[in-house]
């Protein structure tokens, strides 16, 4: 009976292990296999721009990553927001712009190649502090994003 209860207690946490992350951040590897959380919303908006939203989050072992990839419905280029922490070092790329927001931090882009229920996000960026961030995140599937704001 103990084994059955243990298995049931672990099942929900394992359901969120949907991302394989392989990045080079400022010359250092950021690797996470079978960890992270991928989500998507086909109908979203940011700063007055209607867009599909894909997001990835991960936090473990002194590393954390939060990525948002916005794909505007009007065909404009995708917009990337990326925050990575490795130990005490923090890297920021914010290419999101809209009706009321024009300021960016860093530079670069992310592209999504969809496959089945998931996809691969390729990143090629330079953080606000000048460090290069590149690599891929493979999302096995995308969960739903809960709507916020108004």
N, C-alpha and C. Protein backbone atom coordinates (compact mmCIF):
# COMPACT_ATOMS: atom_id res chain seq x y z
N UNK A 1 0.82 -1.19 0.00
CA UNK A 1 0.00 0.00 0.00
C UNK A 1 0.86 1.25 0.00
N UNK A 2 1.96 1.27 0.71
CA UNK A 2 2.85 2.44 0.74
C UNK A 2 3.34 2.81 -0.64
N UNK A 3 3.68 1.83 -1.44
CA UNK A 3 4.21 2.09 -2.77
C UNK A 3 3.16 2.75 -3.66
N UNK A 4 1.94 2.34 -3.55
CA UNK A 4 0.86 2.92 -4.33
C UNK A 4 0.68 4.39 -3.97
N UNK A 5 0.67 4.73 -2.70
CA UNK A 5 0.52 6.12 -2.28
C UNK A 5 1.70 6.98 -2.75
N UNK A 6 2.91 6.45 -2.68
CA UNK A 6 4.08 7.18 -3.14
C UNK A 6 4.00 7.46 -4.63
N UNK A 7 3.59 6.49 -5.41
CA UNK A 7 3.44 6.66 -6.86
C UNK A 7 2.42 7.74 -7.17
N UNK A 8 1.30 7.73 -6.51
CA UNK A 8 0.27 8.74 -6.75
C UNK A 8 0.74 10.13 -6.34
N UNK A 9 1.51 10.24 -5.29
CA UNK A 9 2.01 11.54 -4.84
C UNK A 9 3.00 12.13 -5.83
N UNK A 10 3.79 11.28 -6.51
CA UNK A 10 4.78 11.78 -7.47
C UNK A 10 4.20 12.08 -8.83
N UNK A 11 3.09 11.50 -9.20
CA UNK A 11 2.54 11.65 -10.54
C UNK A 11 2.29 13.10 -10.95
N UNK A 12 1.65 13.96 -10.13
CA UNK A 12 1.41 15.32 -10.57
C UNK A 12 2.69 16.10 -10.86
N UNK A 13 3.73 15.97 -10.05
CA UNK A 13 4.98 16.71 -10.29
C UNK A 13 5.62 16.27 -11.59
N UNK A 14 5.59 14.98 -11.90
CA UNK A 14 6.21 14.49 -13.12
C UNK A 14 5.43 14.93 -14.35
N UNK A 15 4.14 15.20 -14.24
CA UNK A 15 3.34 15.62 -15.38
C UNK A 15 3.82 16.94 -15.95
N UNK A 16 4.55 17.75 -15.19
CA UNK A 16 5.00 19.04 -15.66
C UNK A 16 6.41 18.99 -16.27
N UNK A 17 7.06 17.85 -16.28
CA UNK A 17 8.41 17.72 -16.84
C UNK A 17 8.29 17.62 -18.35
N UNK A 18 8.22 18.76 -19.03
CA UNK A 18 7.92 18.77 -20.46
C UNK A 18 9.01 19.40 -21.31
N UNK A 19 10.10 19.90 -20.74
CA UNK A 19 11.08 20.64 -21.54
C UNK A 19 12.48 20.06 -21.39
N UNK A 20 13.21 20.07 -22.49
CA UNK A 20 14.63 19.76 -22.49
C UNK A 20 15.33 21.05 -22.92
N UNK A 21 16.17 21.60 -22.04
CA UNK A 21 16.81 22.90 -22.28
C UNK A 21 18.30 22.68 -22.52
N UNK A 22 18.80 23.23 -23.61
CA UNK A 22 20.22 23.16 -23.93
C UNK A 22 20.66 24.53 -24.45
N UNK A 23 21.19 25.36 -23.54
CA UNK A 23 21.60 26.72 -23.89
C UNK A 23 23.06 26.96 -23.54
N UNK A 24 23.66 27.89 -24.25
CA UNK A 24 24.96 28.44 -23.88
C UNK A 24 24.67 29.87 -23.46
N UNK A 25 24.94 30.19 -22.20
CA UNK A 25 24.62 31.50 -21.63
C UNK A 25 25.92 32.14 -21.15
N UNK A 26 26.38 33.16 -21.86
CA UNK A 26 27.61 33.84 -21.47
C UNK A 26 28.80 32.90 -21.42
N UNK A 27 28.85 31.92 -22.33
CA UNK A 27 29.95 30.98 -22.37
C UNK A 27 29.82 29.78 -21.45
N UNK A 28 28.72 29.69 -20.71
CA UNK A 28 28.50 28.56 -19.80
C UNK A 28 27.26 27.79 -20.23
N UNK A 29 27.30 26.48 -20.00
CA UNK A 29 26.17 25.63 -20.37
C UNK A 29 25.04 25.72 -19.36
N UNK A 30 23.84 25.80 -19.86
CA UNK A 30 22.61 25.72 -19.07
C UNK A 30 21.87 24.52 -19.62
N UNK A 31 21.89 23.42 -18.89
CA UNK A 31 21.29 22.18 -19.33
C UNK A 31 20.23 21.72 -18.34
N UNK A 32 19.11 21.29 -18.86
CA UNK A 32 18.06 20.69 -18.03
C UNK A 32 17.31 19.70 -18.90
N UNK A 33 17.33 18.45 -18.51
CA UNK A 33 16.67 17.42 -19.28
C UNK A 33 15.46 16.92 -18.51
N UNK A 34 14.33 16.81 -19.23
CA UNK A 34 13.10 16.31 -18.65
C UNK A 34 12.63 17.18 -17.48
N UNK A 35 12.89 18.48 -17.59
CA UNK A 35 12.48 19.44 -16.56
C UNK A 35 11.85 20.65 -17.24
N UNK A 36 11.23 21.49 -16.47
CA UNK A 36 10.65 22.71 -17.00
C UNK A 36 9.20 22.56 -17.32
N UNK A 37 8.61 23.64 -17.72
CA UNK A 37 7.19 23.67 -18.00
C UNK A 37 6.95 24.52 -19.24
N UNK A 38 6.27 23.97 -20.22
CA UNK A 38 5.94 24.68 -21.46
C UNK A 38 4.44 24.93 -21.51
N UNK A 39 4.07 26.14 -21.87
CA UNK A 39 2.66 26.50 -21.97
C UNK A 39 2.43 27.33 -23.23
N UNK A 40 1.18 27.39 -23.67
CA UNK A 40 0.85 28.17 -24.86
C UNK A 40 -0.58 28.71 -24.77
N UNK A 41 -0.78 29.84 -25.42
CA UNK A 41 -2.10 30.43 -25.57
C UNK A 41 -2.21 30.94 -27.01
N UNK A 42 -3.05 30.34 -27.84
CA UNK A 42 -3.14 30.77 -29.23
C UNK A 42 -3.72 32.18 -29.39
N UNK A 43 -4.51 32.62 -28.43
CA UNK A 43 -5.11 33.97 -28.46
C UNK A 43 -4.70 34.72 -27.20
N UNK A 44 -3.76 35.63 -27.34
CA UNK A 44 -3.29 36.44 -26.21
C UNK A 44 -2.99 37.84 -26.72
N UNK A 45 -2.55 38.71 -25.85
CA UNK A 45 -2.18 40.08 -26.24
C UNK A 45 -1.20 40.64 -25.23
N UNK A 46 -0.33 41.52 -25.72
CA UNK A 46 0.61 42.23 -24.86
C UNK A 46 0.77 43.64 -25.39
N UNK A 47 0.64 44.62 -24.52
CA UNK A 47 0.74 46.04 -24.89
C UNK A 47 -0.07 46.36 -26.14
N UNK A 48 -1.29 45.82 -26.21
CA UNK A 48 -2.18 46.12 -27.32
C UNK A 48 -1.90 45.34 -28.59
N UNK A 49 -0.96 44.41 -28.56
CA UNK A 49 -0.64 43.61 -29.75
C UNK A 49 -1.23 42.21 -29.56
N UNK A 50 -2.15 41.82 -30.47
CA UNK A 50 -2.71 40.47 -30.42
C UNK A 50 -1.66 39.49 -30.92
N UNK A 51 -1.47 38.40 -30.16
CA UNK A 51 -0.42 37.44 -30.51
C UNK A 51 -0.68 36.09 -29.88
N UNK A 52 -0.08 35.06 -30.47
CA UNK A 52 -0.02 33.75 -29.81
C UNK A 52 1.15 33.83 -28.83
N UNK A 53 1.03 33.15 -27.69
CA UNK A 53 2.06 33.19 -26.67
C UNK A 53 2.54 31.77 -26.36
N UNK A 54 3.87 31.61 -26.34
CA UNK A 54 4.51 30.36 -25.93
C UNK A 54 5.44 30.71 -24.79
N UNK A 55 5.39 29.93 -23.71
CA UNK A 55 6.25 30.24 -22.57
C UNK A 55 6.90 28.96 -22.03
N UNK A 56 8.11 29.17 -21.48
CA UNK A 56 8.86 28.09 -20.86
C UNK A 56 9.39 28.60 -19.53
N UNK A 57 9.27 27.79 -18.48
CA UNK A 57 9.85 28.16 -17.19
C UNK A 57 10.57 26.94 -16.61
N UNK A 58 11.65 27.23 -15.90
CA UNK A 58 12.45 26.18 -15.27
C UNK A 58 13.18 26.79 -14.08
N UNK A 59 13.31 26.02 -13.01
CA UNK A 59 14.08 26.45 -11.85
C UNK A 59 14.55 25.21 -11.10
N UNK A 60 15.88 25.08 -10.98
CA UNK A 60 16.46 23.96 -10.23
C UNK A 60 17.95 24.18 -10.09
N UNK A 61 18.51 23.76 -8.98
CA UNK A 61 19.95 23.75 -8.80
C UNK A 61 20.65 25.09 -8.99
N UNK A 62 20.03 26.17 -8.56
CA UNK A 62 20.66 27.48 -8.70
C UNK A 62 20.51 28.11 -10.07
N UNK A 63 19.75 27.48 -10.96
CA UNK A 63 19.49 28.03 -12.29
C UNK A 63 18.00 28.29 -12.43
N UNK A 64 17.66 29.33 -13.19
CA UNK A 64 16.26 29.55 -13.51
C UNK A 64 16.15 30.20 -14.89
N UNK A 65 15.03 29.93 -15.54
CA UNK A 65 14.77 30.45 -16.88
C UNK A 65 13.29 30.77 -16.99
N UNK A 66 12.98 31.94 -17.54
CA UNK A 66 11.62 32.30 -17.90
C UNK A 66 11.66 32.90 -19.29
N UNK A 67 10.98 32.25 -20.23
CA UNK A 67 10.96 32.69 -21.61
C UNK A 67 9.52 32.89 -22.05
N UNK A 68 9.28 33.99 -22.75
CA UNK A 68 7.99 34.23 -23.40
C UNK A 68 8.28 34.56 -24.86
N UNK A 69 7.63 33.85 -25.77
CA UNK A 69 7.75 34.11 -27.19
C UNK A 69 6.37 34.50 -27.69
N UNK A 70 6.27 35.74 -28.16
CA UNK A 70 5.01 36.29 -28.67
C UNK A 70 5.07 36.27 -30.18
N UNK A 71 4.06 35.69 -30.84
CA UNK A 71 3.97 35.68 -32.29
C UNK A 71 2.77 36.51 -32.70
N UNK A 72 3.01 37.81 -33.09
CA UNK A 72 1.91 38.71 -33.44
C UNK A 72 1.03 38.17 -34.56
N UNK A 73 -0.26 38.37 -34.42
CA UNK A 73 -1.24 37.91 -35.40
C UNK A 73 -1.16 38.70 -36.69
N UNK A 74 -0.58 39.92 -36.66
CA UNK A 74 -0.49 40.74 -37.87
C UNK A 74 0.71 40.38 -38.75
N UNK A 75 1.45 39.32 -38.39
CA UNK A 75 2.59 38.89 -39.19
C UNK A 75 3.90 39.58 -38.85
N UNK A 76 3.90 40.50 -37.90
CA UNK A 76 5.14 41.16 -37.47
C UNK A 76 6.08 40.11 -36.87
N UNK A 77 7.38 40.40 -36.83
CA UNK A 77 8.33 39.43 -36.25
C UNK A 77 7.98 39.07 -34.81
N UNK A 78 8.34 37.86 -34.41
CA UNK A 78 8.12 37.41 -33.05
C UNK A 78 8.88 38.26 -32.05
N UNK A 79 8.37 38.34 -30.82
CA UNK A 79 8.99 39.14 -29.77
C UNK A 79 9.39 38.22 -28.62
N UNK A 80 10.61 38.39 -28.14
CA UNK A 80 11.19 37.52 -27.12
C UNK A 80 11.37 38.27 -25.81
N UNK A 81 11.00 37.61 -24.72
CA UNK A 81 11.33 38.07 -23.38
C UNK A 81 12.00 36.88 -22.69
N UNK A 82 13.25 37.07 -22.24
CA UNK A 82 14.02 35.98 -21.67
C UNK A 82 14.76 36.46 -20.44
N UNK A 83 14.57 35.75 -19.34
CA UNK A 83 15.28 36.02 -18.08
C UNK A 83 15.93 34.72 -17.64
N UNK A 84 17.26 34.74 -17.53
CA UNK A 84 18.01 33.56 -17.13
C UNK A 84 18.88 33.92 -15.93
N UNK A 85 18.90 33.06 -14.94
CA UNK A 85 19.79 33.22 -13.78
C UNK A 85 20.63 31.96 -13.65
N UNK A 86 21.92 32.17 -13.45
CA UNK A 86 22.84 31.07 -13.17
C UNK A 86 23.65 31.49 -11.96
N UNK A 87 23.34 30.89 -10.82
CA UNK A 87 23.99 31.32 -9.59
C UNK A 87 23.60 32.76 -9.28
N UNK A 88 24.60 33.63 -9.12
CA UNK A 88 24.32 35.04 -8.80
C UNK A 88 24.24 35.91 -10.05
N UNK A 89 24.47 35.37 -11.23
CA UNK A 89 24.46 36.14 -12.48
C UNK A 89 23.08 36.09 -13.13
N UNK A 90 22.60 37.25 -13.58
CA UNK A 90 21.28 37.36 -14.21
C UNK A 90 21.43 37.95 -15.61
N UNK A 91 20.72 37.37 -16.57
CA UNK A 91 20.77 37.79 -17.97
C UNK A 91 19.35 38.15 -18.41
N UNK A 92 19.21 39.29 -19.11
CA UNK A 92 17.88 39.76 -19.52
C UNK A 92 17.90 40.12 -21.00
N UNK A 93 16.91 39.62 -21.73
CA UNK A 93 16.63 40.02 -23.10
C UNK A 93 15.14 40.34 -23.13
N UNK A 94 14.79 41.53 -23.56
CA UNK A 94 13.38 41.92 -23.65
C UNK A 94 13.16 42.66 -24.96
N UNK A 95 12.66 41.94 -25.96
CA UNK A 95 12.41 42.52 -27.28
C UNK A 95 10.93 42.82 -27.50
N UNK A 96 10.13 42.78 -26.44
CA UNK A 96 8.69 43.01 -26.54
C UNK A 96 8.42 44.49 -26.72
N UNK A 97 7.63 44.81 -27.75
CA UNK A 97 7.20 46.18 -28.00
C UNK A 97 5.72 46.18 -28.31
N UNK A 98 5.08 47.31 -28.10
CA UNK A 98 3.66 47.42 -28.39
C UNK A 98 3.25 48.87 -28.41
N UNK A 99 1.96 49.10 -28.38
CA UNK A 99 1.43 50.47 -28.47
C UNK A 99 2.00 51.38 -27.39
N UNK A 100 2.14 50.87 -26.16
CA UNK A 100 2.61 51.72 -25.06
C UNK A 100 4.01 51.37 -24.57
N UNK A 101 4.68 50.43 -25.24
CA UNK A 101 6.02 50.02 -24.81
C UNK A 101 6.95 49.98 -26.02
N UNK A 102 8.02 50.75 -25.97
CA UNK A 102 9.00 50.79 -27.07
C UNK A 102 10.40 50.41 -26.61
N UNK A 103 10.69 50.51 -25.32
CA UNK A 103 12.03 50.23 -24.80
C UNK A 103 12.33 48.74 -24.85
N UNK A 104 13.53 48.40 -25.30
CA UNK A 104 13.96 47.00 -25.30
C UNK A 104 15.26 46.87 -24.50
N UNK A 105 15.60 45.63 -24.17
CA UNK A 105 16.84 45.32 -23.46
C UNK A 105 17.50 44.16 -24.19
N UNK A 106 18.76 44.32 -24.55
CA UNK A 106 19.45 43.29 -25.30
C UNK A 106 18.94 43.23 -26.72
N UNK A 107 19.22 42.13 -27.39
CA UNK A 107 18.76 41.96 -28.76
C UNK A 107 18.64 40.47 -29.06
N UNK A 108 18.01 40.16 -30.17
CA UNK A 108 17.94 38.78 -30.58
C UNK A 108 16.55 38.33 -30.94
N UNK A 109 16.46 37.02 -31.15
CA UNK A 109 15.17 36.46 -31.55
C UNK A 109 15.07 35.02 -31.09
N UNK A 110 13.85 34.53 -31.12
CA UNK A 110 13.55 33.12 -30.87
C UNK A 110 12.55 32.70 -31.93
N UNK A 111 12.71 31.49 -32.42
CA UNK A 111 11.79 30.96 -33.41
C UNK A 111 11.25 29.63 -32.91
N UNK A 112 10.02 29.35 -33.27
CA UNK A 112 9.36 28.10 -32.87
C UNK A 112 9.12 27.24 -34.08
N UNK A 113 9.56 26.00 -34.00
CA UNK A 113 9.23 24.99 -35.01
C UNK A 113 8.32 23.99 -34.34
N UNK A 114 7.03 24.03 -34.70
CA UNK A 114 6.04 23.17 -34.07
C UNK A 114 6.16 21.73 -34.58
N UNK A 115 5.86 20.80 -33.68
CA UNK A 115 5.78 19.39 -34.05
C UNK A 115 4.82 18.69 -33.09
N UNK A 116 3.84 18.01 -33.64
CA UNK A 116 2.83 17.33 -32.83
C UNK A 116 2.26 18.28 -31.78
N UNK A 117 2.27 17.90 -30.52
CA UNK A 117 1.71 18.74 -29.45
C UNK A 117 2.75 19.70 -28.88
N UNK A 118 3.99 19.62 -29.33
CA UNK A 118 5.07 20.46 -28.79
C UNK A 118 5.81 21.19 -29.88
N UNK A 119 7.12 21.36 -29.66
CA UNK A 119 7.94 22.05 -30.64
C UNK A 119 9.31 22.38 -30.08
N UNK A 120 10.13 22.98 -30.94
CA UNK A 120 11.47 23.38 -30.55
C UNK A 120 11.59 24.89 -30.70
N UNK A 121 12.06 25.54 -29.64
CA UNK A 121 12.30 26.99 -29.67
C UNK A 121 13.81 27.18 -29.79
N UNK A 122 14.23 27.82 -30.88
CA UNK A 122 15.65 28.14 -31.09
C UNK A 122 15.88 29.58 -30.67
N UNK A 123 16.93 29.81 -29.88
CA UNK A 123 17.23 31.14 -29.35
C UNK A 123 18.59 31.60 -29.85
N UNK A 124 18.64 32.84 -30.31
CA UNK A 124 19.89 33.49 -30.70
C UNK A 124 19.78 34.93 -30.23
N UNK A 125 20.41 35.25 -29.10
CA UNK A 125 20.21 36.55 -28.47
C UNK A 125 21.48 37.05 -27.79
N UNK A 126 21.45 38.33 -27.45
CA UNK A 126 22.51 38.95 -26.66
C UNK A 126 21.82 39.66 -25.50
N UNK A 127 22.22 39.32 -24.28
CA UNK A 127 21.62 39.91 -23.09
C UNK A 127 21.95 41.40 -23.01
N UNK A 128 21.18 42.10 -22.21
CA UNK A 128 21.39 43.53 -21.99
C UNK A 128 22.83 43.81 -21.53
N UNK A 129 23.42 42.89 -20.80
CA UNK A 129 24.78 43.05 -20.28
C UNK A 129 25.86 42.64 -21.29
N UNK A 130 25.46 42.18 -22.49
CA UNK A 130 26.41 41.89 -23.56
C UNK A 130 26.74 40.42 -23.78
N UNK A 131 26.30 39.52 -22.92
CA UNK A 131 26.61 38.11 -23.07
C UNK A 131 25.68 37.45 -24.09
N UNK A 132 26.25 36.55 -24.89
CA UNK A 132 25.48 35.83 -25.90
C UNK A 132 24.71 34.68 -25.24
N UNK A 133 23.48 34.49 -25.71
CA UNK A 133 22.63 33.38 -25.27
C UNK A 133 22.14 32.67 -26.52
N UNK A 134 22.45 31.39 -26.63
CA UNK A 134 22.00 30.65 -27.82
C UNK A 134 21.73 29.21 -27.44
N UNK A 135 20.90 28.58 -28.24
CA UNK A 135 20.59 27.18 -28.02
C UNK A 135 19.15 26.86 -28.35
N UNK A 136 18.70 25.72 -27.78
CA UNK A 136 17.37 25.22 -28.10
C UNK A 136 16.65 24.73 -26.85
N UNK A 137 15.35 24.86 -26.90
CA UNK A 137 14.48 24.29 -25.87
C UNK A 137 13.45 23.43 -26.58
N UNK A 138 13.42 22.16 -26.23
CA UNK A 138 12.45 21.25 -26.83
C UNK A 138 11.29 21.06 -25.85
N UNK A 139 10.12 21.47 -26.28
CA UNK A 139 8.90 21.29 -25.48
C UNK A 139 8.19 20.06 -26.02
N UNK A 140 7.99 19.07 -25.16
CA UNK A 140 7.32 17.84 -25.58
C UNK A 140 5.85 18.09 -25.83
N UNK A 141 5.29 19.03 -25.09
CA UNK A 141 3.91 19.46 -25.28
C UNK A 141 3.76 20.82 -24.65
N UNK A 142 2.68 21.50 -24.95
CA UNK A 142 2.37 22.81 -24.37
C UNK A 142 1.07 22.70 -23.59
N UNK A 143 1.13 23.05 -22.30
CA UNK A 143 -0.06 23.13 -21.49
C UNK A 143 -0.75 24.47 -21.76
N UNK A 144 -1.92 24.65 -21.19
CA UNK A 144 -2.67 25.89 -21.37
C UNK A 144 -2.18 26.97 -20.41
N UNK A 145 -2.27 28.21 -20.86
CA UNK A 145 -1.95 29.37 -20.03
C UNK A 145 -3.25 29.93 -19.49
N UNK A 146 -3.28 30.21 -18.20
CA UNK A 146 -4.44 30.81 -17.57
C UNK A 146 -4.50 32.30 -17.93
N UNK A 147 -5.63 32.78 -18.41
CA UNK A 147 -5.79 34.19 -18.79
C UNK A 147 -5.67 35.09 -17.59
N UNK A 148 -4.95 36.24 -17.78
CA UNK A 148 -4.81 37.25 -16.74
C UNK A 148 -5.04 38.62 -17.34
N UNK A 149 -5.23 39.61 -16.51
CA UNK A 149 -5.35 41.00 -16.99
C UNK A 149 -6.71 41.27 -17.57
N UNK A 150 -6.77 42.37 -18.36
CA UNK A 150 -8.07 42.71 -18.90
C UNK A 150 -8.01 43.26 -20.26
